[in-house]
Protein backbone atom coordinates (compact mmCIF):
# COMPACT_ATOMS: atom_id res chain seq x y z
CA MET A 1 7.17 -47.81 4.17
CA ILE A 2 5.59 -46.51 7.36
CA VAL A 3 1.85 -45.98 7.81
CA SER A 4 0.81 -43.96 10.82
CA LYS A 5 -2.66 -43.30 12.20
CA MET A 6 -3.76 -40.29 14.21
CA GLU A 7 -7.21 -40.40 15.77
CA ASP A 8 -8.75 -37.96 18.23
CA GLY A 9 -12.43 -38.91 18.29
CA LEU A 10 -13.28 -36.26 15.69
CA ILE A 11 -10.99 -37.28 12.84
CA VAL A 12 -8.86 -40.17 11.74
CA GLN A 13 -5.85 -39.38 9.59
CA LEU A 14 -3.73 -42.00 7.88
CA MET A 15 -0.28 -40.88 6.80
CA LEU A 16 2.27 -42.75 4.74
CA ASN A 17 6.00 -42.21 4.35
CA THR A 18 8.01 -44.22 1.84
CA CYS A 19 11.31 -44.02 3.79
CA ASP A 20 13.12 -43.23 0.50
CA LYS A 21 14.45 -40.13 2.23
CA PRO A 22 14.67 -38.95 5.83
CA TYR A 23 11.34 -37.94 7.34
CA ARG A 24 11.35 -34.18 7.86
CA GLY A 25 7.80 -33.65 9.10
CA LYS A 26 6.12 -34.03 5.70
CA TRP A 27 4.22 -37.19 4.81
CA ASP A 28 4.31 -38.57 1.26
CA PHE A 29 0.58 -39.30 1.40
CA ALA A 30 -2.34 -38.60 3.73
CA LEU A 31 -6.01 -39.57 3.89
CA ARG A 32 -8.17 -37.66 6.35
CA ALA A 33 -11.70 -38.64 7.43
CA GLN A 34 -14.08 -37.20 9.98
CA PHE A 35 -16.34 -39.15 12.30
CA ALA A 36 -19.66 -37.90 10.87
CA ASN A 37 -21.60 -39.86 13.51
CA ASP A 38 -21.36 -43.23 15.29
CA HIS A 39 -22.11 -45.06 12.05
CA SER A 40 -20.21 -43.09 9.43
CA LEU A 41 -16.78 -41.79 8.46
CA PHE A 42 -16.65 -38.93 5.94
CA ILE A 43 -13.57 -38.65 3.71
CA GLY A 44 -12.50 -35.03 3.89
CA ASP A 45 -9.23 -35.01 1.97
CA ILE A 46 -6.79 -37.24 0.14
CA LYS A 47 -3.36 -35.73 -0.56
CA GLY A 48 -0.41 -37.23 -2.31
CA GLU A 49 1.06 -38.36 -5.56
CA PRO A 50 -1.30 -40.49 -7.69
CA ASP A 51 -0.57 -43.92 -9.17
CA LYS A 52 1.87 -45.04 -6.47
CA GLY A 53 -0.52 -47.33 -4.57
CA PHE A 54 -0.41 -45.10 -1.49
CA GLY A 55 -4.14 -44.33 -1.68
CA SER A 56 -4.98 -48.03 -1.78
CA ILE A 57 -2.83 -48.74 1.26
CA CYS A 58 -4.42 -45.93 3.27
CA MET A 59 -7.93 -46.80 2.05
CA GLN A 60 -7.49 -50.38 3.24
CA TYR A 61 -6.55 -49.10 6.70
CA LEU A 62 -9.60 -46.79 6.69
CA LYS A 63 -11.92 -49.63 5.63
CA ASP A 64 -10.46 -51.84 8.38
CA GLU A 65 -11.20 -49.05 10.89
CA ALA A 66 -14.77 -48.74 9.58
CA ARG A 67 -15.33 -52.53 9.74
CA LYS A 68 -14.06 -52.64 13.31
CA ASN A 69 -16.59 -49.97 14.34
CA ASN A 70 -19.44 -51.11 12.04
CA GLN A 71 -19.33 -47.83 10.10
CA GLN A 72 -19.89 -46.85 6.51
CA ILE A 73 -17.55 -44.49 4.66
CA THR A 74 -18.89 -41.58 2.61
CA GLY A 75 -17.37 -38.74 0.64
CA ASN A 76 -18.12 -36.09 -1.93
CA LEU A 77 -16.82 -35.44 -5.40
CA ALA A 78 -16.55 -31.70 -5.96
CA LYS A 79 -16.03 -29.40 -8.92
CA ARG A 80 -12.33 -29.16 -7.99
CA ASP A 81 -12.05 -32.92 -8.67
CA TRP A 82 -13.37 -32.73 -12.24
CA ASP A 83 -9.93 -32.64 -13.88
CA HIS A 84 -9.18 -36.08 -12.41
CA LEU A 85 -12.70 -37.51 -12.08
CA ASP A 86 -11.89 -40.64 -14.12
CA ARG A 87 -9.01 -41.49 -11.80
CA LEU A 88 -11.14 -40.88 -8.68
CA THR A 89 -14.04 -42.93 -10.02
CA TYR A 90 -11.70 -45.81 -10.85
CA PHE A 91 -10.09 -45.60 -7.39
CA TYR A 92 -13.37 -45.63 -5.47
CA LYS A 93 -14.93 -48.39 -7.59
CA LYS A 94 -11.77 -50.49 -7.15
CA HIS A 95 -12.34 -50.21 -3.40
CA LYS A 96 -16.01 -51.26 -3.73
CA PHE A 97 -17.57 -47.81 -3.24
CA ARG A 98 -20.84 -46.88 -4.90
CA VAL A 99 -20.15 -43.76 -6.98
CA THR A 100 -22.88 -41.30 -7.97
CA ILE A 101 -22.03 -38.46 -10.37
CA ASN A 102 -24.06 -35.41 -11.35
CA GLU A 103 -22.37 -34.23 -14.56
CA LYS A 104 -24.54 -31.11 -14.86
CA GLU A 105 -23.63 -29.79 -11.40
CA GLN A 106 -20.11 -31.30 -11.40
CA SER A 107 -20.70 -33.01 -8.10
CA GLY A 108 -21.00 -36.52 -6.77
CA ALA A 109 -20.90 -38.83 -3.81
CA VAL A 110 -19.19 -42.07 -2.79
CA VAL A 111 -20.45 -44.63 -0.26
CA TRP A 112 -18.87 -47.80 1.10
CA GLY A 113 -20.53 -50.20 3.51
């Protein structure tokens, strides 16, 4: 397994490839966060197959990055997430995020740090 990090001062993207097959420019998993300000990273997107442990690996790298820079990590739960809200809630709570959900508006927020 290879985990790669791309950072340009505006975003940090963590990408994972399992090495089960040749790499052809497509990562098996990616977690993208934006530098919201000097004290906060905002999770913009998480893409990849669920229940493989890839999200946990990338989240640990992101939390290490945030610790190093004394930052918190935030993110939103959107209406598009509602079909897998239980899985997302479990994932974030497992990683010690505070999760707030507004059932009526099908929205929410996550905060770590």
